Amino acid sequence: MPEVFATGYLVGLLEWACIQAINPHLDFPRELTLGTHINVSHEAATSPGLEVIVRVKLTKVDGRRLEFEVEANDGIEIISRGTHERFVVDAKRFSEKATSKVNG
C-alpha cells in the first residue's frame, strides 16, 4: 500500500471539524453531538507532508438534527466533499443508555 491519507482518518477528521465548530454553541459537556450519517467522496490521494485543511458549514438545524457541508483540501486540490449529519444529545442520558446495553 502506498503511504497516503487513509479514508478512515479523513472521515474522522471531517467529523472532528464539525464537532469543534458546534461545541461552542452547546451546553458542552452536558450536551454533545453524535454523528449519525456521513456521505463523502475521497477524490484524491494525499501524500505525507501535505497539510489537510477542512471546511465545514452548518447548513440546516431541524430540532436536535444538524446537517453540515464538508470539504477537505490538501493545498493542491480538493480531496473530499460531501455532507455529515449529527444529533445533539444529553451526554448523561446517552452514556446511561449505552452502558445499559452492555449491563443488560
N, C-alpha and C. Protein backbone atom coordinates (compact mmCIF):
# COMPACT_ATOMS: atom_id res chain seq x y z
N MET A 1 0.83 -1.19 0.00
CA MET A 1 0.00 0.00 0.00
C MET A 1 0.87 1.25 0.00
N PRO A 2 0.54 2.22 -0.81
CA PRO A 2 1.28 3.48 -0.78
C PRO A 2 0.96 4.25 0.50
N GLU A 3 1.90 5.08 0.92
CA GLU A 3 1.68 5.91 2.10
C GLU A 3 0.88 7.13 1.70
N VAL A 4 -0.42 7.09 2.00
CA VAL A 4 -1.32 8.21 1.73
C VAL A 4 -2.30 8.33 2.89
N PHE A 5 -3.00 9.44 2.95
CA PHE A 5 -4.00 9.71 3.97
C PHE A 5 -5.18 8.77 3.75
N ALA A 6 -5.42 7.87 4.70
CA ALA A 6 -6.45 6.85 4.57
C ALA A 6 -7.86 7.44 4.73
N THR A 7 -8.80 6.84 4.05
CA THR A 7 -10.19 7.32 4.08
C THR A 7 -10.76 7.33 5.50
N GLY A 8 -10.48 6.32 6.28
CA GLY A 8 -10.99 6.28 7.66
C GLY A 8 -10.53 7.47 8.49
N TYR A 9 -9.28 7.84 8.34
CA TYR A 9 -8.75 9.02 9.05
C TYR A 9 -9.38 10.31 8.52
N LEU A 10 -9.60 10.35 7.21
CA LEU A 10 -10.25 11.52 6.61
C LEU A 10 -11.65 11.70 7.18
N VAL A 11 -12.42 10.62 7.26
CA VAL A 11 -13.77 10.70 7.82
C VAL A 11 -13.71 11.20 9.27
N GLY A 12 -12.77 10.67 10.05
CA GLY A 12 -12.61 11.13 11.43
C GLY A 12 -12.28 12.60 11.52
N LEU A 13 -11.42 13.08 10.63
CA LEU A 13 -11.06 14.50 10.62
C LEU A 13 -12.25 15.37 10.27
N LEU A 14 -13.06 14.94 9.30
CA LEU A 14 -14.25 15.70 8.93
C LEU A 14 -15.23 15.77 10.10
N GLU A 15 -15.44 14.64 10.77
CA GLU A 15 -16.32 14.63 11.95
C GLU A 15 -15.78 15.54 13.04
N TRP A 16 -14.49 15.46 13.30
CA TRP A 16 -13.87 16.27 14.35
C TRP A 16 -14.05 17.76 14.07
N ALA A 17 -13.92 18.16 12.82
CA ALA A 17 -14.09 19.57 12.46
C ALA A 17 -15.53 20.03 12.74
N CYS A 18 -16.51 19.18 12.46
CA CYS A 18 -17.91 19.52 12.76
C CYS A 18 -18.12 19.63 14.26
N ILE A 19 -17.55 18.72 15.02
CA ILE A 19 -17.65 18.76 16.49
C ILE A 19 -17.07 20.06 17.02
N GLN A 20 -15.90 20.42 16.56
CA GLN A 20 -15.24 21.64 17.03
C GLN A 20 -16.02 22.89 16.63
N ALA A 21 -16.67 22.85 15.48
CA ALA A 21 -17.44 24.01 15.02
C ALA A 21 -18.70 24.22 15.86
N ILE A 22 -19.31 23.14 16.34
CA ILE A 22 -20.60 23.26 17.01
C ILE A 22 -20.47 23.31 18.54
N ASN A 23 -19.43 22.76 19.12
CA ASN A 23 -19.31 22.71 20.58
C ASN A 23 -19.44 24.07 21.28
N PRO A 24 -18.89 25.15 20.74
CA PRO A 24 -19.06 26.45 21.42
C PRO A 24 -20.51 26.91 21.52
N HIS A 25 -21.39 26.30 20.74
CA HIS A 25 -22.79 26.70 20.72
C HIS A 25 -23.69 25.76 21.53
N LEU A 26 -23.07 24.78 22.18
CA LEU A 26 -23.80 23.81 23.01
C LEU A 26 -23.54 24.10 24.47
N ASP A 27 -24.30 23.45 25.32
CA ASP A 27 -24.02 23.46 26.76
C ASP A 27 -23.06 22.29 27.01
N PHE A 28 -21.86 22.41 26.43
CA PHE A 28 -20.84 21.36 26.50
C PHE A 28 -20.14 21.43 27.84
N PRO A 29 -19.91 20.34 28.55
CA PRO A 29 -20.02 18.95 28.12
C PRO A 29 -21.35 18.28 28.47
N ARG A 30 -22.32 18.99 29.03
CA ARG A 30 -23.61 18.36 29.33
C ARG A 30 -24.30 17.91 28.04
N GLU A 31 -24.20 18.73 27.01
CA GLU A 31 -24.71 18.37 25.68
C GLU A 31 -23.52 18.04 24.79
N LEU A 32 -23.73 17.11 23.89
CA LEU A 32 -22.72 16.81 22.89
C LEU A 32 -23.43 16.35 21.63
N THR A 33 -22.67 16.16 20.57
CA THR A 33 -23.27 15.70 19.32
C THR A 33 -22.70 14.34 18.95
N LEU A 34 -23.55 13.57 18.28
CA LEU A 34 -23.16 12.25 17.80
C LEU A 34 -23.36 12.20 16.29
N GLY A 35 -22.39 11.67 15.59
CA GLY A 35 -22.52 11.50 14.15
C GLY A 35 -23.50 10.38 13.84
N THR A 36 -24.41 10.64 12.91
CA THR A 36 -25.41 9.64 12.54
C THR A 36 -25.38 9.28 11.07
N HIS A 37 -24.76 10.12 10.26
CA HIS A 37 -24.68 9.82 8.83
C HIS A 37 -23.54 10.64 8.22
N ILE A 38 -22.82 9.99 7.30
CA ILE A 38 -21.79 10.72 6.56
C ILE A 38 -21.81 10.24 5.12
N ASN A 39 -21.76 11.18 4.20
CA ASN A 39 -21.77 10.87 2.77
C ASN A 39 -20.71 11.76 2.12
N VAL A 40 -19.52 11.20 1.97
CA VAL A 40 -18.40 11.99 1.43
C VAL A 40 -17.66 11.21 0.37
N SER A 41 -17.04 11.96 -0.51
CA SER A 41 -16.14 11.39 -1.51
C SER A 41 -14.72 11.38 -0.94
N HIS A 42 -13.87 10.57 -1.52
CA HIS A 42 -12.43 10.66 -1.28
C HIS A 42 -11.81 10.70 -2.67
N GLU A 43 -11.61 11.92 -3.18
CA GLU A 43 -11.35 12.16 -4.59
C GLU A 43 -9.89 12.12 -5.00
N ALA A 44 -8.97 12.31 -4.05
CA ALA A 44 -7.56 12.38 -4.43
C ALA A 44 -6.68 11.91 -3.27
N ALA A 45 -5.57 11.33 -3.62
CA ALA A 45 -4.61 10.87 -2.62
C ALA A 45 -3.84 12.06 -2.05
N THR A 46 -3.51 11.95 -0.76
CA THR A 46 -2.72 12.97 -0.08
C THR A 46 -1.49 12.31 0.51
N SER A 47 -0.33 12.73 0.05
CA SER A 47 0.94 12.14 0.50
C SER A 47 1.38 12.74 1.83
N PRO A 48 2.21 12.02 2.58
CA PRO A 48 2.75 12.57 3.83
C PRO A 48 3.46 13.89 3.58
N GLY A 49 3.30 14.81 4.53
CA GLY A 49 3.93 16.12 4.43
C GLY A 49 2.98 17.21 3.96
N LEU A 50 1.85 16.83 3.36
CA LEU A 50 0.87 17.83 2.95
C LEU A 50 -0.07 18.12 4.12
N GLU A 51 -0.49 19.36 4.23
CA GLU A 51 -1.41 19.77 5.28
C GLU A 51 -2.83 19.72 4.75
N VAL A 52 -3.71 19.04 5.46
CA VAL A 52 -5.11 18.94 5.07
C VAL A 52 -5.90 20.00 5.82
N ILE A 53 -6.61 20.82 5.08
CA ILE A 53 -7.47 21.86 5.64
C ILE A 53 -8.92 21.44 5.42
N VAL A 54 -9.70 21.47 6.50
CA VAL A 54 -11.11 21.09 6.42
C VAL A 54 -11.97 22.32 6.60
N ARG A 55 -13.01 22.42 5.76
CA ARG A 55 -14.00 23.48 5.86
C ARG A 55 -15.34 22.82 6.10
N VAL A 56 -16.04 23.28 7.14
CA VAL A 56 -17.38 22.76 7.42
C VAL A 56 -18.35 23.92 7.52
N LYS A 57 -19.58 23.67 7.12
CA LYS A 57 -20.61 24.70 7.16
C LYS A 57 -21.90 24.05 7.65
N LEU A 58 -22.45 24.59 8.75
CA LEU A 58 -23.74 24.12 9.25
C LEU A 58 -24.81 24.66 8.30
N THR A 59 -25.52 23.77 7.62
CA THR A 59 -26.48 24.20 6.60
C THR A 59 -27.92 24.07 7.03
N LYS A 60 -28.18 23.25 8.05
CA LYS A 60 -29.58 23.06 8.47
C LYS A 60 -29.63 22.62 9.93
N VAL A 61 -30.58 23.19 10.65
CA VAL A 61 -30.88 22.78 12.02
C VAL A 61 -32.36 22.40 12.05
N ASP A 62 -32.64 21.17 12.40
CA ASP A 62 -34.01 20.68 12.49
C ASP A 62 -34.19 20.04 13.86
N GLY A 63 -34.56 20.85 14.84
CA GLY A 63 -34.62 20.36 16.22
C GLY A 63 -33.22 20.03 16.69
N ARG A 64 -33.00 18.77 17.04
CA ARG A 64 -31.68 18.32 17.50
C ARG A 64 -30.79 17.84 16.36
N ARG A 65 -31.34 17.78 15.14
CA ARG A 65 -30.60 17.28 13.98
C ARG A 65 -29.86 18.42 13.28
N LEU A 66 -28.56 18.21 13.04
CA LEU A 66 -27.70 19.20 12.41
C LEU A 66 -27.16 18.63 11.10
N GLU A 67 -27.20 19.41 10.06
CA GLU A 67 -26.62 18.99 8.78
C GLU A 67 -25.47 19.92 8.41
N PHE A 68 -24.38 19.33 7.97
CA PHE A 68 -23.18 20.07 7.59
C PHE A 68 -22.78 19.76 6.16
N GLU A 69 -22.26 20.76 5.45
CA GLU A 69 -21.50 20.54 4.23
C GLU A 69 -20.04 20.46 4.67
N VAL A 70 -19.29 19.52 4.12
CA VAL A 70 -17.89 19.36 4.50
C VAL A 70 -17.02 19.29 3.25
N GLU A 71 -15.79 19.77 3.40
CA GLU A 71 -14.83 19.74 2.30
C GLU A 71 -13.43 19.70 2.87
N ALA A 72 -12.55 18.94 2.25
CA ALA A 72 -11.14 18.89 2.66
C ALA A 72 -10.26 19.15 1.45
N ASN A 73 -9.16 19.87 1.70
CA ASN A 73 -8.23 20.27 0.65
C ASN A 73 -6.82 20.02 1.17
N ASP A 74 -5.94 19.51 0.32
CA ASP A 74 -4.56 19.24 0.77
C ASP A 74 -3.57 20.30 0.31
N GLY A 75 -4.08 21.47 -0.07
CA GLY A 75 -3.21 22.54 -0.53
C GLY A 75 -2.93 22.48 -2.01
N ILE A 76 -3.24 21.36 -2.61
CA ILE A 76 -3.07 21.21 -4.05
C ILE A 76 -4.42 21.07 -4.73
N GLU A 77 -5.31 20.30 -4.09
CA GLU A 77 -6.63 20.07 -4.68
C GLU A 77 -7.62 19.65 -3.60
N ILE A 78 -8.88 19.69 -3.95
CA ILE A 78 -9.92 19.18 -3.05
C ILE A 78 -9.78 17.67 -3.01
N ILE A 79 -9.71 17.12 -1.81
CA ILE A 79 -9.58 15.67 -1.67
C ILE A 79 -10.88 15.02 -1.22
N SER A 80 -11.81 15.81 -0.67
CA SER A 80 -13.07 15.25 -0.20
C SER A 80 -14.14 16.33 -0.15
N ARG A 81 -15.38 15.91 -0.37
CA ARG A 81 -16.53 16.81 -0.18
C ARG A 81 -17.77 15.96 0.04
N GLY A 82 -18.73 16.56 0.72
CA GLY A 82 -19.96 15.83 0.97
C GLY A 82 -20.75 16.44 2.10
N THR A 83 -21.50 15.57 2.80
CA THR A 83 -22.37 16.02 3.89
C THR A 83 -22.17 15.13 5.11
N HIS A 84 -22.53 15.71 6.25
CA HIS A 84 -22.43 14.99 7.53
C HIS A 84 -23.60 15.41 8.39
N GLU A 85 -24.20 14.45 9.08
CA GLU A 85 -25.33 14.71 9.97
C GLU A 85 -24.94 14.34 11.40
N ARG A 86 -25.33 15.20 12.34
CA ARG A 86 -25.07 14.97 13.75
C ARG A 86 -26.35 15.27 14.52
N PHE A 87 -26.49 14.67 15.70
CA PHE A 87 -27.62 14.94 16.59
C PHE A 87 -27.09 15.44 17.92
N VAL A 88 -27.76 16.44 18.47
CA VAL A 88 -27.44 16.94 19.80
C VAL A 88 -28.11 16.01 20.81
N VAL A 89 -27.33 15.54 21.80
CA VAL A 89 -27.87 14.64 22.82
C VAL A 89 -27.41 15.09 24.21
N ASP A 90 -28.15 14.63 25.20
CA ASP A 90 -27.76 14.81 26.59
C ASP A 90 -26.70 13.75 26.90
N ALA A 91 -25.51 14.18 27.28
CA ALA A 91 -24.38 13.26 27.47
C ALA A 91 -24.67 12.20 28.52
N LYS A 92 -25.26 12.58 29.64
CA LYS A 92 -25.52 11.63 30.72
C LYS A 92 -26.54 10.57 30.28
N ARG A 93 -27.63 11.01 29.67
CA ARG A 93 -28.65 10.06 29.21
C ARG A 93 -28.09 9.12 28.16
N PHE A 94 -27.29 9.65 27.24
CA PHE A 94 -26.71 8.80 26.21
C PHE A 94 -25.77 7.76 26.82
N SER A 95 -24.92 8.20 27.74
CA SER A 95 -23.97 7.28 28.38
C SER A 95 -24.71 6.19 29.14
N GLU A 96 -25.77 6.56 29.87
CA GLU A 96 -26.55 5.56 30.61
C GLU A 96 -27.18 4.55 29.68
N LYS A 97 -27.72 5.02 28.56
CA LYS A 97 -28.36 4.12 27.61
C LYS A 97 -27.33 3.17 26.98
N ALA A 98 -26.18 3.70 26.61
CA ALA A 98 -25.14 2.86 26.02
C ALA A 98 -24.64 1.83 27.02
N THR A 99 -24.46 2.24 28.28
CA THR A 99 -23.99 1.32 29.31
C THR A 99 -25.02 0.23 29.57
N SER A 100 -26.29 0.57 29.52
CA SER A 100 -27.34 -0.41 29.80
C SER A 100 -27.34 -1.52 28.75
N LYS A 101 -26.88 -1.26 27.55
CA LYS A 101 -26.80 -2.30 26.53
C LYS A 101 -25.80 -3.38 26.92
N VAL A 102 -24.74 -2.98 27.59
CA VAL A 102 -23.71 -3.92 27.99
C VAL A 102 -24.11 -4.66 29.28
N ASN A 103 -24.69 -3.91 30.20
CA ASN A 103 -25.02 -4.46 31.52
C ASN A 103 -26.38 -5.15 31.55
N GLY A 104 -27.13 -5.03 30.46
CA GLY A 104 -28.44 -5.70 30.39
C GLY A 104 -29.46 -4.94 31.10
